[in-house]
Amino acid sequence: MTNREKYDHVFMECFHLTEAMLTDSLVYQSVPTWDSVGHMAMIAALEECFEIMIETDDVLDISSYLKGIEILAKYDVTI
């Protein structure tokens, strides 16, 4: 599985989305399941999936599907 597939899988599982919903317009609270609880579940899933620890500032900054890709690059995860 590629890093993109892993990343997409986390979003689809955590927020109950289809692959078609993973677009540039997917942002925090744009779907009902991406609330504060869902956000923390997604962070935990990303940390487990990529074997990283995401810093608190970055946890708060992951406010969109695209921003998550950008932030993961800081942890040497290329999507």
N, C-alpha and C. Protein backbone atom coordinates (compact mmCIF):
# COMPACT_ATOMS: atom_id res chain seq x y z
N MET A 1 0.85 -1.18 0.00
CA MET A 1 0.00 0.00 0.00
C MET A 1 0.90 1.24 0.00
N THR A 2 0.61 2.18 -0.87
CA THR A 2 1.39 3.42 -0.93
C THR A 2 1.01 4.33 0.23
N ASN A 3 1.86 5.33 0.46
CA ASN A 3 1.54 6.30 1.52
C ASN A 3 0.24 7.04 1.20
N ARG A 4 -0.02 7.33 -0.06
CA ARG A 4 -1.28 8.00 -0.44
C ARG A 4 -2.46 7.10 -0.09
N GLU A 5 -2.35 5.84 -0.39
CA GLU A 5 -3.45 4.91 -0.08
C GLU A 5 -3.67 4.80 1.42
N LYS A 6 -2.58 4.77 2.18
CA LYS A 6 -2.68 4.71 3.64
C LYS A 6 -3.36 5.99 4.17
N TYR A 7 -2.91 7.13 3.67
CA TYR A 7 -3.46 8.42 4.09
C TYR A 7 -4.95 8.49 3.77
N ASP A 8 -5.31 8.15 2.55
CA ASP A 8 -6.71 8.16 2.15
C ASP A 8 -7.54 7.20 3.00
N HIS A 9 -6.97 6.03 3.28
CA HIS A 9 -7.69 5.04 4.09
C HIS A 9 -8.01 5.60 5.48
N VAL A 10 -7.05 6.31 6.08
CA VAL A 10 -7.28 6.91 7.40
C VAL A 10 -8.47 7.87 7.33
N PHE A 11 -8.49 8.74 6.33
CA PHE A 11 -9.59 9.69 6.19
C PHE A 11 -10.92 8.98 5.95
N MET A 12 -10.90 7.98 5.09
CA MET A 12 -12.15 7.27 4.78
C MET A 12 -12.68 6.50 5.99
N GLU A 13 -11.78 5.89 6.74
CA GLU A 13 -12.20 5.14 7.93
C GLU A 13 -12.65 6.05 9.06
N CYS A 14 -11.88 7.08 9.34
CA CYS A 14 -12.19 7.96 10.48
C CYS A 14 -13.44 8.78 10.26
N PHE A 15 -13.66 9.21 9.02
CA PHE A 15 -14.76 10.11 8.75
C PHE A 15 -15.88 9.50 7.92
N HIS A 16 -15.79 8.19 7.67
CA HIS A 16 -16.82 7.47 6.91
C HIS A 16 -17.07 8.12 5.56
N LEU A 17 -15.98 8.30 4.81
CA LEU A 17 -16.05 8.95 3.51
C LEU A 17 -15.78 7.96 2.39
N THR A 18 -16.17 8.34 1.19
CA THR A 18 -15.80 7.58 0.00
C THR A 18 -14.56 8.23 -0.59
N GLU A 19 -13.89 7.51 -1.45
CA GLU A 19 -12.69 8.06 -2.08
C GLU A 19 -13.01 9.33 -2.87
N ALA A 20 -14.18 9.38 -3.46
CA ALA A 20 -14.59 10.54 -4.24
C ALA A 20 -14.72 11.80 -3.39
N MET A 21 -14.89 11.63 -2.09
CA MET A 21 -15.06 12.78 -1.19
C MET A 21 -13.72 13.39 -0.75
N LEU A 22 -12.62 12.72 -1.09
CA LEU A 22 -11.29 13.20 -0.69
C LEU A 22 -10.82 14.22 -1.71
N THR A 23 -11.24 15.46 -1.51
CA THR A 23 -10.94 16.54 -2.45
C THR A 23 -10.30 17.72 -1.73
N ASP A 24 -9.92 18.71 -2.52
CA ASP A 24 -9.32 19.93 -1.96
C ASP A 24 -10.27 20.67 -1.02
N SER A 25 -11.56 20.43 -1.19
CA SER A 25 -12.54 21.15 -0.36
C SER A 25 -12.85 20.43 0.96
N LEU A 26 -12.20 19.30 1.21
CA LEU A 26 -12.43 18.58 2.46
C LEU A 26 -11.64 19.28 3.57
N VAL A 27 -12.38 19.94 4.45
CA VAL A 27 -11.77 20.68 5.55
C VAL A 27 -12.47 20.30 6.86
N TYR A 28 -11.81 20.67 7.94
CA TYR A 28 -12.35 20.42 9.28
C TYR A 28 -13.79 20.93 9.37
N GLN A 29 -14.65 20.09 9.86
CA GLN A 29 -16.08 20.33 10.05
C GLN A 29 -16.88 20.49 8.75
N SER A 30 -16.29 20.12 7.61
CA SER A 30 -17.05 20.16 6.36
C SER A 30 -17.94 18.93 6.21
N VAL A 31 -17.65 17.91 7.01
CA VAL A 31 -18.51 16.74 7.10
C VAL A 31 -18.81 16.52 8.58
N PRO A 32 -19.98 16.03 8.92
CA PRO A 32 -20.35 15.90 10.34
C PRO A 32 -19.39 15.07 11.19
N THR A 33 -18.76 14.08 10.59
CA THR A 33 -17.87 13.20 11.36
C THR A 33 -16.51 13.81 11.66
N TRP A 34 -16.16 14.91 10.95
CA TRP A 34 -14.88 15.57 11.24
C TRP A 34 -15.12 16.68 12.25
N ASP A 35 -15.37 16.25 13.47
CA ASP A 35 -15.51 17.16 14.60
C ASP A 35 -14.27 16.99 15.47
N SER A 36 -14.28 17.54 16.66
CA SER A 36 -13.08 17.47 17.50
C SER A 36 -12.71 16.03 17.88
N VAL A 37 -13.71 15.21 18.14
CA VAL A 37 -13.45 13.80 18.49
C VAL A 37 -12.92 13.05 17.27
N GLY A 38 -13.56 13.25 16.14
CA GLY A 38 -13.10 12.62 14.91
C GLY A 38 -11.70 13.07 14.53
N HIS A 39 -11.40 14.33 14.78
CA HIS A 39 -10.08 14.87 14.47
C HIS A 39 -9.01 14.14 15.28
N MET A 40 -9.25 13.96 16.57
CA MET A 40 -8.26 13.28 17.41
C MET A 40 -8.12 11.81 17.02
N ALA A 41 -9.21 11.18 16.61
CA ALA A 41 -9.13 9.79 16.14
C ALA A 41 -8.29 9.72 14.86
N MET A 42 -8.46 10.70 13.98
CA MET A 42 -7.68 10.75 12.75
C MET A 42 -6.20 10.95 13.05
N ILE A 43 -5.89 11.83 14.00
CA ILE A 43 -4.49 12.06 14.38
C ILE A 43 -3.87 10.77 14.92
N ALA A 44 -4.58 10.09 15.79
CA ALA A 44 -4.08 8.83 16.35
C ALA A 44 -3.86 7.79 15.24
N ALA A 45 -4.78 7.73 14.30
CA ALA A 45 -4.65 6.78 13.20
C ALA A 45 -3.46 7.12 12.31
N LEU A 46 -3.24 8.40 12.04
CA LEU A 46 -2.08 8.81 11.23
C LEU A 46 -0.78 8.48 11.95
N GLU A 47 -0.74 8.74 13.25
CA GLU A 47 0.46 8.44 14.03
C GLU A 47 0.77 6.95 14.00
N GLU A 48 -0.25 6.14 14.15
CA GLU A 48 -0.05 4.69 14.14
C GLU A 48 0.34 4.20 12.75
N CYS A 49 -0.35 4.69 11.75
CA CYS A 49 -0.13 4.25 10.38
C CYS A 49 1.29 4.57 9.90
N PHE A 50 1.77 5.76 10.21
CA PHE A 50 3.08 6.20 9.72
C PHE A 50 4.17 6.14 10.79
N GLU A 51 3.83 5.61 11.97
CA GLU A 51 4.78 5.43 13.07
C GLU A 51 5.51 6.73 13.39
N ILE A 52 4.71 7.78 13.65
CA ILE A 52 5.23 9.10 13.99
C ILE A 52 4.49 9.62 15.21
N MET A 53 5.01 10.68 15.78
CA MET A 53 4.32 11.42 16.84
C MET A 53 4.15 12.84 16.33
N ILE A 54 2.91 13.27 16.15
CA ILE A 54 2.62 14.58 15.61
C ILE A 54 2.59 15.60 16.75
N GLU A 55 3.36 16.67 16.59
CA GLU A 55 3.43 17.71 17.61
C GLU A 55 2.09 18.43 17.74
N THR A 56 1.84 18.96 18.93
CA THR A 56 0.56 19.61 19.23
C THR A 56 0.21 20.71 18.23
N ASP A 57 1.17 21.56 17.90
CA ASP A 57 0.89 22.64 16.93
C ASP A 57 0.44 22.07 15.60
N ASP A 58 1.05 20.97 15.19
CA ASP A 58 0.68 20.35 13.92
C ASP A 58 -0.69 19.67 14.00
N VAL A 59 -1.01 19.12 15.16
CA VAL A 59 -2.34 18.53 15.35
C VAL A 59 -3.40 19.59 15.08
N LEU A 60 -3.17 20.77 15.61
CA LEU A 60 -4.12 21.87 15.43
C LEU A 60 -4.13 22.41 14.00
N ASP A 61 -2.99 22.33 13.34
CA ASP A 61 -2.87 22.88 11.99
C ASP A 61 -3.44 21.98 10.89
N ILE A 62 -3.64 20.72 11.19
CA ILE A 62 -4.20 19.82 10.17
C ILE A 62 -5.70 20.14 10.07
N SER A 63 -5.98 21.13 9.25
CA SER A 63 -7.35 21.64 9.15
C SER A 63 -8.01 21.27 7.82
N SER A 64 -7.28 20.53 6.99
CA SER A 64 -7.85 20.10 5.72
C SER A 64 -7.11 18.86 5.24
N TYR A 65 -7.70 18.21 4.26
CA TYR A 65 -7.10 17.03 3.64
C TYR A 65 -5.72 17.41 3.07
N LEU A 66 -5.64 18.52 2.36
CA LEU A 66 -4.38 18.95 1.75
C LEU A 66 -3.35 19.39 2.79
N LYS A 67 -3.80 20.08 3.83
CA LYS A 67 -2.88 20.55 4.87
C LYS A 67 -2.24 19.37 5.59
N GLY A 68 -2.99 18.30 5.74
CA GLY A 68 -2.44 17.10 6.37
C GLY A 68 -1.27 16.54 5.58
N ILE A 69 -1.38 16.55 4.26
CA ILE A 69 -0.29 16.07 3.40
C ILE A 69 0.94 16.95 3.60
N GLU A 70 0.72 18.25 3.64
CA GLU A 70 1.82 19.21 3.83
C GLU A 70 2.51 19.00 5.18
N ILE A 71 1.73 18.81 6.22
CA ILE A 71 2.30 18.65 7.56
C ILE A 71 3.03 17.32 7.70
N LEU A 72 2.51 16.27 7.11
CA LEU A 72 3.18 14.97 7.21
C LEU A 72 4.56 15.01 6.57
N ALA A 73 4.76 15.87 5.60
CA ALA A 73 6.07 16.00 4.96
C ALA A 73 7.13 16.42 5.99
N LYS A 74 6.72 17.17 7.02
CA LYS A 74 7.65 17.57 8.09
C LYS A 74 8.18 16.36 8.84
N TYR A 75 7.43 15.27 8.77
CA TYR A 75 7.80 14.04 9.48
C TYR A 75 8.37 13.00 8.52
N ASP A 76 8.84 13.47 7.36
CA ASP A 76 9.43 12.63 6.32
C ASP A 76 8.46 11.59 5.77
N VAL A 77 7.18 11.95 5.76
CA VAL A 77 6.17 11.09 5.14
C VAL A 77 5.74 11.76 3.84
N THR A 78 6.09 11.16 2.73
CA THR A 78 5.75 11.69 1.41
C THR A 78 4.49 11.04 0.93
N ILE A 79 3.49 11.85 0.64
CA ILE A 79 2.19 11.34 0.17
C ILE A 79 2.14 11.48 -1.35
